[in-house]
C-alpha atoms as a PDB file:
ATOM      1  CA  MET A   1     -54.311 133.283-165.486  1.00  0.00           C
ATOM      2  CA  LEU A   2     -55.656 135.949-163.552  1.00  0.00           C
ATOM      3  CA  ILE A   3     -58.985 137.114-164.709  1.00  0.00           C
ATOM      4  CA  ILE A   4     -60.036 140.736-163.402  1.00  0.00           C
ATOM      5  CA  SER A   5     -63.645 141.555-163.811  1.00  0.00           C
ATOM      6  CA  VAL A   6     -64.340 145.157-164.043  1.00  0.00           C
ATOM      7  CA  LEU A   7     -67.708 146.622-162.981  1.00  0.00           C
ATOM      8  CA  VAL A   8     -68.652 149.975-164.160  1.00  0.00           C
ATOM      9  CA  TYR A   9     -71.639 151.962-163.269  1.00  0.00           C
ATOM     10  CA  ARG A  10     -72.335 154.993-165.494  1.00  0.00           C
ATOM     11  CA  VAL A  11     -74.746 156.738-163.199  1.00  0.00           C
ATOM     12  CA  ASN A  12     -75.680 160.343-163.016  1.00  0.00           C
ATOM     13  CA  CYS A  13     -75.758 160.437-159.329  1.00  0.00           C
ATOM     14  CA  ALA A  14     -76.297 163.987-158.648  1.00  0.00           C
ATOM     15  CA  CYS A  15     -79.351 164.224-161.107  1.00  0.00           C
ATOM     16  CA  ARG A  16     -81.014 161.203-159.820  1.00  0.00           C
ATOM     17  CA  ALA A  17     -80.389 161.799-156.291  1.00  0.00           C
ATOM     18  CA  ARG A  18     -82.633 165.230-156.823  1.00  0.00           C
ATOM     19  CA  MET A  19     -85.299 163.980-158.838  1.00  0.00           C
ATOM     20  CA  ALA A  20     -85.684 160.753-156.521  1.00  0.00           C
ATOM     21  CA  LEU A  21     -85.883 158.472-159.730  1.00  0.00           C
ATOM     22  CA  PRO A  22     -85.049 154.806-159.804  1.00  0.00           C
ATOM     23  CA  MET A  23     -82.201 153.392-161.771  1.00  0.00           C
ATOM     24  CA  THR A  24     -82.838 152.176-165.343  1.00  0.00           C
ATOM     25  CA  ARG A  25     -80.834 149.914-167.183  1.00  0.00           C
ATOM     26  CA  THR A  26     -79.005 152.804-169.218  1.00  0.00           C
ATOM     27  CA  ASP A  27     -78.149 154.389-165.779  1.00  0.00           C
ATOM     28  CA  ALA A  28     -76.204 151.296-164.522  1.00  0.00           C
ATOM     29  CA  LYS A  29     -74.613 149.443-167.256  1.00  0.00           C
ATOM     30  CA  LEU A  30     -72.678 146.339-166.344  1.00  0.00           C
ATOM     31  CA  TYR A  31     -70.072 144.776-168.332  1.00  0.00           C
ATOM     32  CA  THR A  32     -67.067 142.546-167.933  1.00  0.00           C
ATOM     33  CA  ASP A  33     -63.814 143.322-169.330  1.00  0.00           C
ATOM     34  CA  ARG A  34     -61.309 140.504-169.346  1.00  0.00           C
ATOM     35  CA  HIS A  35     -57.402 141.292-168.955  1.00  0.00           C
ATOM     36  CA  THR A  36     -54.560 139.305-167.822  1.00  0.00           C
ATOM     37  CA  ILE A  37     -51.630 140.573-165.807  1.00  0.00           C
ATOM     38  CA  ALA A  38     -49.418 139.682-168.561  1.00  0.00           C
ATOM     39  CA  GLN A  39     -51.134 142.323-170.993  1.00  0.00           C
ATOM     40  CA  TYR A  40     -51.582 144.905-168.450  1.00  0.00           C
ATOM     41  CA  PRO A  41     -48.761 144.518-165.578  1.00  0.00           C
ATOM     42  CA  LEU A  42     -49.527 147.904-164.039  1.00  0.00           C
ATOM     43  CA  ARG A  43     -53.094 147.052-163.457  1.00  0.00           C
ATOM     44  CA  GLY A  44     -51.965 144.363-160.705  1.00  0.00           C
ATOM     45  CA  GLN A  45     -49.463 146.863-159.429  1.00  0.00           C
ATOM     46  CA  ASN A  46     -52.239 149.342-159.104  1.00  0.00           C
ATOM     47  CA  ILE A  47     -54.471 147.056-157.123  1.00  0.00           C
ATOM     48  CA  LYS A  48     -51.433 146.315-154.742  1.00  0.00           C
ATOM     49  CA  ALA A  49     -50.875 150.114-154.209  1.00  0.00           C
ATOM     50  CA  ALA A  50     -54.370 150.949-153.600  1.00  0.00           C
ATOM     51  CA  ARG A  51     -54.635 148.125-151.100  1.00  0.00           C
ATOM     52  CA  LYS A  52     -51.542 149.381-149.248  1.00  0.00           C
ATOM     53  CA  LEU A  53     -52.752 152.859-149.390  1.00  0.00           C
ATOM     54  CA  TYR A  54     -56.181 151.950-147.813  1.00  0.00           C
ATOM     55  CA  LEU A  55     -54.655 150.024-145.167  1.00  0.00           C
ATOM     56  CA  SER A  56     -51.993 152.725-144.071  1.00  0.00           C
ATOM     57  CA  GLU A  57     -55.140 155.376-144.166  1.00  0.00           C
ATOM     58  CA  ARG A  58     -57.058 153.042-141.979  1.00  0.00           C
ATOM     59  CA  PHE A  59     -54.001 152.812-139.610  1.00  0.00           C
ATOM     60  CA  ILE A  60     -53.648 156.556-139.521  1.00  0.00           C
ATOM     61  CA  MET A  61     -57.341 156.947-138.787  1.00  0.00           C
ATOM     62  CA  GLN A  62     -57.333 154.221-136.136  1.00  0.00           C
ATOM     63  CA  GLU A  63     -54.352 156.086-134.443  1.00  0.00           C
ATOM     64  CA  THR A  64     -56.097 159.428-134.842  1.00  0.00           C
ATOM     65  CA  ASN A  65     -59.230 158.484-133.039  1.00  0.00           C
ATOM     66  CA  SER A  66     -56.938 156.722-130.432  1.00  0.00           C
ATOM     67  CA  SER A  67     -55.184 160.225-129.766  1.00  0.00           C
ATOM     68  CA  LEU A  68     -58.304 162.042-129.705  1.00  0.00           C
ATOM     69  CA  MET A  69     -60.133 159.768-127.291  1.00  0.00           C
ATOM     70  CA  ALA A  70     -56.894 159.927-125.104  1.00  0.00           C
ATOM     71  CA  ILE A  71     -57.048 163.645-125.232  1.00  0.00           C
ATOM     72  CA  LEU A  72     -60.733 163.670-124.101  1.00  0.00           C
ATOM     73  CA  GLY A  73     -59.936 161.208-121.415  1.00  0.00           C
ATOM     74  CA  HIS A  74     -57.471 163.557-119.953  1.00  0.00           C
ATOM     75  CA  LEU A  75     -59.900 166.369-119.999  1.00  0.00           C
ATOM     76  CA  LEU A  76     -62.469 164.208-118.121  1.00  0.00           C
ATOM     77  CA  GLU A  77     -59.916 163.142-115.520  1.00  0.00           C
ATOM     78  CA  LYS A  78     -58.416 166.407-114.689  1.00  0.00           C
ATOM     79  CA  ARG A  79     -61.395 168.619-115.025  1.00  0.00           C
ATOM     80  CA  GLY A  80     -64.507 166.430-115.179  1.00  0.00           C
ATOM     81  CA  PHE A  81     -65.666 167.598-118.616  1.00  0.00           C
ATOM     82  CA  ASN A  82     -67.245 164.652-120.636  1.00  0.00           C
ATOM     83  CA  PHE A  83     -67.175 165.591-124.411  1.00  0.00           C
ATOM     84  CA  SER A  84     -67.477 161.856-125.510  1.00  0.00           C
ATOM     85  CA  GLY A  85     -71.081 162.788-126.828  1.00  0.00           C
ATOM     86  CA  TYR A  86     -69.904 165.687-129.118  1.00  0.00           C
ATOM     87  CA  ARG A  87     -69.266 165.275-132.690  1.00  0.00           C
ATOM     88  CA  LEU A  88     -65.891 164.108-133.367  1.00  0.00           C
ATOM     89  CA  SER A  89     -65.605 166.367-136.757  1.00  0.00           C
ATOM     90  CA  MET A  90     -66.281 169.547-134.366  1.00  0.00           C
ATOM     91  CA  LEU A  91     -63.751 168.274-131.759  1.00  0.00           C
ATOM     92  CA  GLU A  92     -61.080 167.547-134.383  1.00  0.00           C
ATOM     93  CA  ARG A  93     -61.492 170.944-135.773  1.00  0.00           C
ATOM     94  CA  ARG A  94     -61.444 172.648-132.199  1.00  0.00           C
ATOM     95  CA  ILE A  95     -58.621 170.644-131.090  1.00  0.00           C
ATOM     96  CA  GLY A  96     -56.555 171.272-134.223  1.00  0.00           C
ATOM     97  CA  LYS A  97     -56.436 174.908-133.472  1.00  0.00           C
ATOM     98  CA  ARG A  98     -54.546 174.113-130.670  1.00  0.00           C
ATOM     99  CA  LEU A  99     -52.208 171.803-132.246  1.00  0.00           C
ATOM    100  CA  THR A 100     -51.313 174.943-134.593  1.00  0.00           C
ATOM    101  CA  ALA A 101     -51.087 177.261-131.591  1.00  0.00           C
ATOM    102  CA  THR A 102     -48.694 174.868-129.766  1.00  0.00           C
ATOM    103  CA  HIS A 103     -46.716 173.907-132.934  1.00  0.00           C
ATOM    104  CA  SER A 104     -47.615 170.195-132.052  1.00  0.00           C
ATOM    105  CA  LYS A 105     -47.232 167.855-135.438  1.00  0.00           C
ATOM    106  CA  ASP A 106     -50.058 165.565-134.378  1.00  0.00           C
ATOM    107  CA  GLN A 107     -52.585 164.791-131.769  1.00  0.00           C
ATOM    108  CA  GLN A 108     -50.278 162.329-129.881  1.00  0.00           C
ATOM    109  CA  SER A 109     -47.715 164.984-129.448  1.00  0.00           C
ATOM    110  CA  TYR A 110     -50.300 167.347-128.467  1.00  0.00           C
ATOM    111  CA  LEU A 111     -51.478 164.974-125.880  1.00  0.00           C
ATOM    112  CA  LEU A 112     -47.886 164.915-124.443  1.00  0.00           C
ATOM    113  CA  HIS A 113     -47.834 168.766-124.590  1.00  0.00           C
ATOM    114  CA  LEU A 114     -51.140 168.771-122.589  1.00  0.00           C
ATOM    115  CA  GLN A 115     -50.144 166.368-119.965  1.00  0.00           C
ATOM    116  CA  ASN A 116     -46.820 168.277-119.336  1.00  0.00           C
ATOM    117  CA  ASN A 117     -48.541 171.737-119.200  1.00  0.00           C
ATOM    118  CA  PRO A 118     -51.626 172.076-117.093  1.00  0.00           C
ATOM    119  CA  GLU A 119     -52.364 175.677-118.080  1.00  0.00           C
ATOM    120  CA  GLU A 120     -52.897 174.218-121.789  1.00  0.00           C
ATOM    121  CA  LEU A 121     -55.908 172.547-120.323  1.00  0.00           C
ATOM    122  CA  ASP A 122     -57.713 176.060-119.945  1.00  0.00           C
ATOM    123  CA  MET A 123     -56.698 177.000-123.316  1.00  0.00           C
ATOM    124  CA  LEU A 124     -58.395 173.638-124.822  1.00  0.00           C
ATOM    125  CA  LEU A 125     -61.516 174.059-122.938  1.00  0.00           C
ATOM    126  CA  ASP A 126     -61.852 177.399-124.269  1.00  0.00           C
ATOM    127  CA  ALA A 127     -61.398 176.084-127.765  1.00  0.00           C
ATOM    128  CA  ILE A 128     -63.875 173.372-127.169  1.00  0.00           C
ATOM    129  CA  THR A 129     -66.323 175.415-125.439  1.00  0.00           C
ATOM    130  CA  ILE A 130     -66.451 178.594-127.467  1.00  0.00           C
ATOM    131  CA  ASN A 131     -68.724 181.033-125.976  1.00  0.00           C
ATOM    132  CA  VAL A 132     -70.015 182.962-128.938  1.00  0.00           C
ATOM    133  CA  SER A 133     -73.166 185.054-128.177  1.00  0.00           C
ATOM    134  CA  ASN A 134     -74.389 188.646-127.893  1.00  0.00           C
ATOM    135  CA  PHE A 135     -77.747 190.156-126.694  1.00  0.00           C
ATOM    136  CA  PHE A 136     -80.833 189.474-128.790  1.00  0.00           C
ATOM    137  CA  ARG A 137     -79.103 187.066-130.921  1.00  0.00           C
ATOM    138  CA  ASP A 138     -81.534 186.109-133.685  1.00  0.00           C
ATOM    139  CA  PRO A 139     -83.386 189.297-133.412  1.00  0.00           C
ATOM    140  CA  LEU A 140     -86.553 187.557-135.092  1.00  0.00           C
ATOM    141  CA  THR A 141     -86.811 184.978-132.568  1.00  0.00           C
ATOM    142  CA  PHE A 142     -86.557 187.625-129.717  1.00  0.00           C
ATOM    143  CA  GLU A 143     -89.342 189.648-131.543  1.00  0.00           C
ATOM    144  CA  LEU A 144     -91.501 186.817-131.607  1.00  0.00           C
ATOM    145  CA  LEU A 145     -90.748 186.093-127.900  1.00  0.00           C
ATOM    146  CA  ALA A 146     -91.482 189.734-126.997  1.00  0.00           C
ATOM    147  CA  ASP A 147     -94.666 190.116-129.093  1.00  0.00           C
ATOM    148  CA  ARG A 148     -96.264 186.644-128.810  1.00  0.00           C
ATOM    149  CA  ILE A 149     -94.899 184.057-126.797  1.00  0.00           C
ATOM    150  CA  LEU A 150     -94.134 185.753-123.529  1.00  0.00           C
ATOM    151  CA  PRO A 151     -97.336 187.870-123.453  1.00  0.00           C
ATOM    152  CA  ALA A 152     -99.332 184.674-123.986  1.00  0.00           C
ATOM    153  CA  ILE A 153     -97.512 183.182-121.302  1.00  0.00           C
ATOM    154  CA  VAL A 154     -98.398 186.039-118.914  1.00  0.00           C
ATOM    155  CA  GLU A 155    -101.949 186.126-119.863  1.00  0.00           C
ATOM    156  CA  ASN A 156    -102.195 182.405-118.885  1.00  0.00           C
ATOM    157  CA  LYS A 157    -100.372 183.000-115.517  1.00  0.00           C
ATOM    158  CA  VAL A 158    -102.967 185.774-114.622  1.00  0.00           C
ATOM    159  CA  ARG A 159    -105.908 183.407-115.902  1.00  0.00           C
ATOM    160  CA  LEU A 160    -104.468 180.888-113.449  1.00  0.00           C
ATOM    161  CA  ASN A 161    -103.770 183.040-110.826  1.00  0.00           C
ATOM    162  CA  ASP A 162    -100.098 181.869-110.996  1.00  0.00           C
ATOM    163  CA  ASN A 163     -97.490 184.446-109.909  1.00  0.00           C
ATOM    164  CA  THR A 164     -94.463 182.837-111.228  1.00  0.00           C
ATOM    165  CA  ILE A 165     -92.934 182.613-114.622  1.00  0.00           C
ATOM    166  CA  ARG A 166     -89.876 179.906-114.732  1.00  0.00           C
ATOM    167  CA  VAL A 167     -87.399 180.186-117.597  1.00  0.00           C
ATOM    168  CA  TRP A 168     -84.155 177.873-118.302  1.00  0.00           C
ATOM    169  CA  SER A 169     -81.382 179.238-120.774  1.00  0.00           C
ATOM    170  CA  ALA A 170     -79.318 176.132-121.339  1.00  0.00           C
ATOM    171  CA  GLY A 171     -75.777 176.590-122.518  1.00  0.00           C
ATOM    172  CA  CYS A 172     -75.909 180.436-121.443  1.00  0.00           C
ATOM    173  CA  ALA A 173     -72.310 181.233-122.292  1.00  0.00           C
ATOM    174  CA  MET A 174     -71.670 184.548-120.671  1.00  0.00           C
ATOM    175  CA  GLY A 175     -75.335 185.284-119.896  1.00  0.00           C
ATOM    176  CA  GLU A 176     -76.357 187.515-122.921  1.00  0.00           C
ATOM    177  CA  GLU A 177     -79.477 185.153-123.871  1.00  0.00           C
ATOM    178  CA  PRO A 178     -80.760 184.985-120.184  1.00  0.00           C
ATOM    179  CA  TYR A 179     -80.145 188.754-119.530  1.00  0.00           C
ATOM    180  CA  SER A 180     -82.080 189.475-122.957  1.00  0.00           C
ATOM    181  CA  VAL A 181     -85.098 187.457-121.830  1.00  0.00           C
ATOM    182  CA  ALA A 182     -85.013 189.181-118.488  1.00  0.00           C
ATOM    183  CA  ILE A 183     -85.259 192.414-120.107  1.00  0.00           C
ATOM    184  CA  ILE A 184     -88.147 191.718-122.098  1.00  0.00           C
ATOM    185  CA  ILE A 185     -89.764 189.863-119.175  1.00  0.00           C
ATOM    186  CA  HIS A 186     -89.243 193.036-117.048  1.00  0.00           C
ATOM    187  CA  GLU A 187     -90.446 195.507-119.776  1.00  0.00           C
ATOM    188  CA  LEU A 188     -93.539 193.550-120.434  1.00  0.00           C
ATOM    189  CA  LEU A 189     -94.574 193.242-116.691  1.00  0.00           C
ATOM    190  CA  GLN A 190     -93.994 197.186-116.073  1.00  0.00           C
ATOM    191  CA  LYS A 191     -95.948 197.828-119.137  1.00  0.00           C
ATOM    192  CA  GLU A 192     -99.039 195.714-118.178  1.00  0.00           C
ATOM    193  CA  ARG A 193     -98.504 196.481-114.409  1.00  0.00           C
ATOM    194  CA  ILE A 194     -98.680 192.853-113.726  1.00  0.00           C
ATOM    195  CA  ARG A 195     -96.884 191.523-110.482  1.00  0.00           C
ATOM    196  CA  ILE A 196     -95.634 188.180-111.281  1.00  0.00           C
ATOM    197  CA  SER A 197     -92.112 187.017-109.884  1.00  0.00           C
ATOM    198  CA  PRO A 198     -89.751 185.637-112.887  1.00  0.00           C
ATOM    199  CA  GLN A 199     -87.244 182.947-112.019  1.00  0.00           C
ATOM    200  CA  ILE A 200     -84.773 182.624-114.528  1.00  0.00           C
ATOM    201  CA  PHE A 201     -82.193 179.894-114.501  1.00  0.00           C
ATOM    202  CA  ALA A 202     -79.057 180.045-116.557  1.00  0.00           C
ATOM    203  CA  THR A 203     -76.693 177.054-116.959  1.00  0.00           C
ATOM    204  CA  ASP A 204     -73.556 176.253-118.783  1.00  0.00           C
ATOM    205  CA  ILE A 205     -70.804 173.508-118.493  1.00  0.00           C
ATOM    206  CA  ASP A 206     -68.099 176.425-118.492  1.00  0.00           C
ATOM    207  CA  GLY A 207     -67.719 177.686-115.098  1.00  0.00           C
ATOM    208  CA  LYS A 208     -65.320 180.370-116.298  1.00  0.00           C
ATOM    209  CA  ALA A 209     -67.972 181.727-118.540  1.00  0.00           C
ATOM    210  CA  LEU A 210     -70.519 181.677-115.809  1.00  0.00           C
ATOM    211  CA  LYS A 211     -68.181 184.143-113.485  1.00  0.00           C
ATOM    212  CA  GLU A 212     -68.155 186.367-116.307  1.00  0.00           C
ATOM    213  CA  ALA A 213     -71.869 186.221-116.814  1.00  0.00           C
ATOM    214  CA  GLU A 214     -72.468 187.177-112.996  1.00  0.00           C
ATOM    215  CA  LYS A 215     -70.213 190.172-113.463  1.00  0.00           C
ATOM    216  CA  ALA A 216     -72.729 191.427-116.149  1.00  0.00           C
ATOM    217  CA  ALA A 217     -70.259 193.791-117.844  1.00  0.00           C
ATOM    218  CA  TYR A 218     -70.126 193.860-121.619  1.00  0.00           C
ATOM    219  CA  LYS A 219     -68.431 195.348-124.646  1.00  0.00           C
ATOM    220  CA  ALA A 220     -70.211 197.324-127.016  1.00  0.00           C
ATOM    221  CA  SER A 221     -69.757 194.493-129.766  1.00  0.00           C
ATOM    222  CA  SER A 222     -72.171 192.182-127.504  1.00  0.00           C
ATOM    223  CA  LEU A 223     -74.782 195.052-127.682  1.00  0.00           C
ATOM    224  CA  GLU A 224     -75.170 195.683-131.286  1.00  0.00           C
ATOM    225  CA  ASN A 225     -78.881 193.993-131.460  1.00  0.00           C
ATOM    226  CA  VAL A 226     -80.013 195.986-128.022  1.00  0.00           C
ATOM    227  CA  LYS A 227     -82.486 198.641-128.658  1.00  0.00           C
ATOM    228  CA  HIS A 228     -82.041 202.077-127.666  1.00  0.00           C
ATOM    229  CA  ARG A 229     -84.512 202.252-125.313  1.00  0.00           C
ATOM    230  CA  HIS A 230     -83.119 198.976-123.539  1.00  0.00           C
ATOM    231  CA  LEU A 231     -79.718 200.399-123.778  1.00  0.00           C
ATOM    232  CA  THR A 232     -80.642 203.674-121.908  1.00  0.00           C
ATOM    233  CA  ARG A 233     -83.117 201.697-119.390  1.00  0.00           C
ATOM    234  CA  TYR A 234     -81.048 198.864-118.261  1.00  0.00           C
ATOM    235  CA  PHE A 235     -77.341 199.644-118.782  1.00  0.00           C
ATOM    236  CA  SER A 236     -75.041 202.106-117.400  1.00  0.00           C
ATOM    237  CA  GLN A 237     -71.707 202.903-119.166  1.00  0.00           C
ATOM    238  CA  SER A 238     -68.323 202.859-117.352  1.00  0.00           C
ATOM    239  CA  GLY A 239     -65.450 203.308-119.836  1.00  0.00           C
ATOM    240  CA  LYS A 240     -65.764 201.023-122.644  1.00  0.00           C
ATOM    241  CA  ALA A 241     -67.994 198.652-120.721  1.00  0.00           C
ATOM    242  CA  PHE A 242     -71.543 198.547-120.205  1.00  0.00           C
ATOM    243  CA  GLN A 243     -73.053 197.436-117.008  1.00  0.00           C
ATOM    244  CA  LEU A 244     -76.344 195.725-116.473  1.00  0.00           C
ATOM    245  CA  LEU A 245     -78.619 197.321-113.692  1.00  0.00           C
ATOM    246  CA  PRO A 246     -79.179 195.021-110.697  1.00  0.00           C
ATOM    247  CA  GLU A 247     -82.996 195.042-111.416  1.00  0.00           C
ATOM    248  CA  ILE A 248     -82.192 192.829-114.292  1.00  0.00           C
ATOM    249  CA  THR A 249     -79.087 190.863-112.947  1.00  0.00           C
ATOM    250  CA  GLY A 250     -81.301 189.927-109.719  1.00  0.00           C
ATOM    251  CA  MET A 251     -83.704 188.058-112.080  1.00  0.00           C
ATOM    252  CA  VAL A 252     -81.119 185.452-113.189  1.00  0.00           C
ATOM    253  CA  THR A 253     -79.563 182.462-111.196  1.00  0.00           C
ATOM    254  CA  PHE A 254     -76.635 180.780-112.523  1.00  0.00           C
ATOM    255  CA  GLU A 255     -75.249 177.514-112.082  1.00  0.00           C
ATOM    256  CA  GLN A 256     -72.689 175.062-113.661  1.00  0.00           C
ATOM    257  CA  TYR A 257     -74.775 172.407-115.373  1.00  0.00           C
ATOM    258  CA  ASP A 258     -73.935 169.511-117.896  1.00  0.00           C
ATOM    259  CA  MET A 259     -76.767 168.966-120.335  1.00  0.00           C
ATOM    260  CA  LEU A 260     -75.506 165.361-120.668  1.00  0.00           C
ATOM    261  CA  ALA A 261     -75.266 164.516-117.130  1.00  0.00           C
ATOM    262  CA  THR A 262     -77.718 161.707-116.092  1.00  0.00           C
ATOM    263  CA  ARG A 263     -77.648 162.471-112.206  1.00  0.00           C
ATOM    264  CA  HIS A 264     -79.881 165.373-112.391  1.00  0.00           C
ATOM    265  CA  ARG A 265     -82.686 165.651-115.103  1.00  0.00           C
ATOM    266  CA  VAL A 266     -83.158 169.424-114.278  1.00  0.00           C
ATOM    267  CA  PRO A 267     -80.538 171.947-113.004  1.00  0.00           C
ATOM    268  CA  PRO A 268     -80.134 171.356-109.194  1.00  0.00           C
ATOM    269  CA  VAL A 269     -80.505 175.112-108.311  1.00  0.00           C
ATOM    270  CA  SER A 270     -84.230 175.031-109.991  1.00  0.00           C
ATOM    271  CA  ILE A 271     -85.113 172.052-107.608  1.00  0.00           C
ATOM    272  CA  PHE A 272     -88.013 170.705-109.733  1.00  0.00           C
ATOM    273  CA  GLY A 273     -87.868 172.082-113.407  1.00  0.00           C
ATOM    274  CA  ASN A 274     -91.427 172.615-114.583  1.00  0.00           C
ATOM    275  CA  PHE A 275     -90.431 175.513-116.850  1.00  0.00           C
ATOM    276  CA  ASP A 276     -92.645 177.595-118.775  1.00  0.00           C
ATOM    277  CA  LEU A 277     -89.907 178.602-121.360  1.00  0.00           C
ATOM    278  CA  ILE A 278     -86.530 177.020-122.180  1.00  0.00           C
ATOM    279  CA  LEU A 279     -83.920 178.235-124.416  1.00  0.00           C
ATOM    280  CA  CYS A 280     -81.500 175.527-125.819  1.00  0.00           C
ATOM    281  CA  ARG A 281     -80.062 177.308-128.654  1.00  0.00           C
ATOM    282  CA  ASN A 282     -77.047 176.112-130.981  1.00  0.00           C
ATOM    283  CA  LEU A 283     -75.817 173.326-128.482  1.00  0.00           C
ATOM    284  CA  LEU A 284     -77.429 170.334-130.243  1.00  0.00           C
ATOM    285  CA  ILE A 285     -75.616 171.059-133.395  1.00  0.00           C
ATOM    286  CA  TYR A 286     -72.398 169.860-131.664  1.00  0.00           C
ATOM    287  CA  LEU A 287     -73.800 166.567-130.406  1.00  0.00           C
ATOM    288  CA  ASN A 288     -73.916 163.099-131.868  1.00  0.00           C
ATOM    289  CA  THR A 289     -77.377 161.645-132.434  1.00  0.00           C
ATOM    290  CA  ASP A 290     -77.523 159.423-129.238  1.00  0.00           C
ATOM    291  CA  CYS A 291     -76.802 162.595-127.029  1.00  0.00           C
ATOM    292  CA  GLN A 292     -79.293 164.795-129.078  1.00  0.00           C
ATOM    293  CA  LYS A 293     -81.960 162.118-128.084  1.00  0.00           C
ATOM    294  CA  THR A 294     -80.541 162.349-124.324  1.00  0.00           C
ATOM    295  CA  VAL A 295     -81.104 166.136-124.538  1.00  0.00           C
ATOM    296  CA  PHE A 296     -84.600 166.162-126.088  1.00  0.00           C
ATOM    297  CA  THR A 297     -85.721 163.808-123.646  1.00  0.00           C
ATOM    298  CA  LYS A 298     -84.373 165.897-120.550  1.00  0.00           C
ATOM    299  CA  LEU A 299     -85.966 169.018-122.181  1.00  0.00           C
ATOM    300  CA  HIS A 300     -89.354 167.494-122.498  1.00  0.00           C
ATOM    301  CA  HIS A 301     -89.275 166.212-119.059  1.00  0.00           C
ATOM    302  CA  ALA A 302     -88.374 169.813-117.679  1.00  0.00           C
ATOM    303  CA  LEU A 303     -90.866 171.894-119.636  1.00  0.00           C
ATOM    304  CA  ALA A 304     -94.363 172.438-117.729  1.00  0.00           C
ATOM    305  CA  ARG A 305     -97.550 171.466-119.428  1.00  0.00           C
ATOM    306  CA  ASN A 306     -97.666 173.311-122.772  1.00  0.00           C
ATOM    307  CA  GLY A 307     -94.254 174.833-122.121  1.00  0.00           C
ATOM    308  CA  ILE A 308     -92.359 176.567-124.981  1.00  0.00           C
ATOM    309  CA  LEU A 309     -89.046 175.289-126.295  1.00  0.00           C
ATOM    310  CA  ILE A 310     -86.646 177.584-128.558  1.00  0.00           C
ATOM    311  CA  LEU A 311     -83.873 176.104-130.311  1.00  0.00           C
ATOM    312  CA  GLY A 312     -81.307 177.419-132.543  1.00  0.00           C
ATOM    313  CA  GLN A 313     -82.203 178.235-136.226  1.00  0.00           C
ATOM    314  CA  ALA A 314     -80.398 175.097-137.757  1.00  0.00           C
ATOM    315  CA  GLU A 315     -81.900 172.610-134.749  1.00  0.00           C
ATOM    316  CA  ALA A 316     -85.056 170.735-134.799  1.00  0.00           C
ATOM    317  CA  PRO A 317     -86.223 167.696-132.862  1.00  0.00           C
ATOM    318  CA  GLY A 318     -85.060 164.278-133.911  1.00  0.00           C
ATOM    319  CA  LEU A 319     -87.418 161.579-135.389  1.00  0.00           C
ATOM    320  CA  ASN A 320     -87.672 159.967-131.891  1.00  0.00           C
ATOM    321  CA  HIS A 321     -88.995 163.197-130.488  1.00  0.00           C
ATOM    322  CA  GLN A 322     -91.192 164.724-133.458  1.00  0.00           C
ATOM    323  CA  GLN A 323     -94.374 163.757-131.671  1.00  0.00           C
ATOM    324  CA  CYS A 324     -93.307 165.505-128.446  1.00  0.00           C
ATOM    325  CA  PHE A 325     -93.012 168.859-129.911  1.00  0.00           C
ATOM    326  CA  SER A 326     -94.958 170.732-132.164  1.00  0.00           C
ATOM    327  CA  ARG A 327     -93.709 173.899-134.025  1.00  0.00           C
ATOM    328  CA  ILE A 328     -96.133 176.870-133.181  1.00  0.00           C
ATOM    329  CA  VAL A 329     -94.425 179.575-135.546  1.00  0.00           C
ATOM    330  CA  ASP A 330     -93.939 178.722-139.176  1.00  0.00           C
ATOM    331  CA  PHE A 331     -90.268 178.678-140.156  1.00  0.00           C
ATOM    332  CA  SER A 332     -89.086 179.435-136.504  1.00  0.00           C
ATOM    333  CA  PRO A 333     -87.163 177.096-134.002  1.00  0.00           C
ATOM    334  CA  ILE A 334     -89.990 177.703-131.583  1.00  0.00           C
ATOM    335  CA  TYR A 335     -92.012 174.557-130.315  1.00  0.00           C
ATOM    336  CA  ARG A 336     -94.630 173.695-127.876  1.00  0.00           C
ATOM    337  CA  LYS A 337     -94.376 170.702-125.522  1.00  0.00           C
ATOM    338  CA  CYS A 338     -96.891 167.835-126.532  1.00  0.00           C
ATOM    339  CA  GLN A 339     -98.019 165.657-123.635  1.00  0.00           C
ATOM    340  CA  GLU A 340     -96.999 162.462-125.700  1.00  0.00           C
ATOM    341  CA  LYS A 341     -94.131 160.772-124.001  1.00  0.00           C
ATOM    342  CA  THR A 342     -90.816 159.835-125.377  1.00  0.00           C
ATOM    343  CA  ALA A 343     -89.187 156.600-125.915  1.00  0.00           C
ATOM    344  CA  ASN A 344     -87.391 156.839-122.779  1.00  0.00           C
ATOM    345  CA  GLU A 345     -90.258 158.071-120.661  1.00  0.00           C
ATOM    346  CA  ALA A 346     -92.808 155.426-121.878  1.00  0.00           C
END
């Protein structure tokens, strides 16, 4: 006779999790209920059915992960893009859009479509590396940058008789972010009549986006946060496009660069890093924990002494790097480099 022991926990999980209280005996009541297969024949069938369902779902999950890795491997082989460090949930969601667009029934059939249609590679890369940005995105961050951060950097440069400001915009998409910084710096230096040479380096993994960035021509939708004085001073309108003036575009140097690459710790075009300011916004949220550690170590290395790091609103240094950066403005993603070494640098 088969005895089935049923363990029942009556726990108000949501309430206890919020209050962070330990379980009591009333929260978790254990009792044993004895039944036989003869008395309850469906119980045994349900157990077998549940086991069968679990095994089938596990098989489907393994097949899905295998197909996903094959798709990423194909991208790496054909285009040199390594997305293995990105969050699987994000990759599945964005690849899923291409499945729908190509009427593929699953990832395996989409892989065959990808292998037989080289032009689909560009469509997939565009789907994964969505370049969503605009000028002065997150206006409060740029207000702090214009009113507090950059004036303090410039003042320190003057005090040290240092005539360069080095900035890195990591994951710059089509250039709106580095050009926004260039506008602020140019206006500040003109206002204070200070002669300092800004060196702004902008990188992205997507070479196609960088070509658009170098053109510096934007639709009106990208300029919603641009102040009127900046629009009239630094842009010229041609039809429906707004063209940035050369005095701003000449301040920015673009380069294709993978933040997860281990060969170069800083963008080669910058030669040695030592940045006074780094903007790495809304990139880390797409990476898994290990790759986030890699990027934070790289950012800490690339910053100059007391350099400033600006992250996205939903991003913050992980546990391994909390001692490496200190938040300098409450409730903002703006940090200063501390001199403590990271685990990888120690």
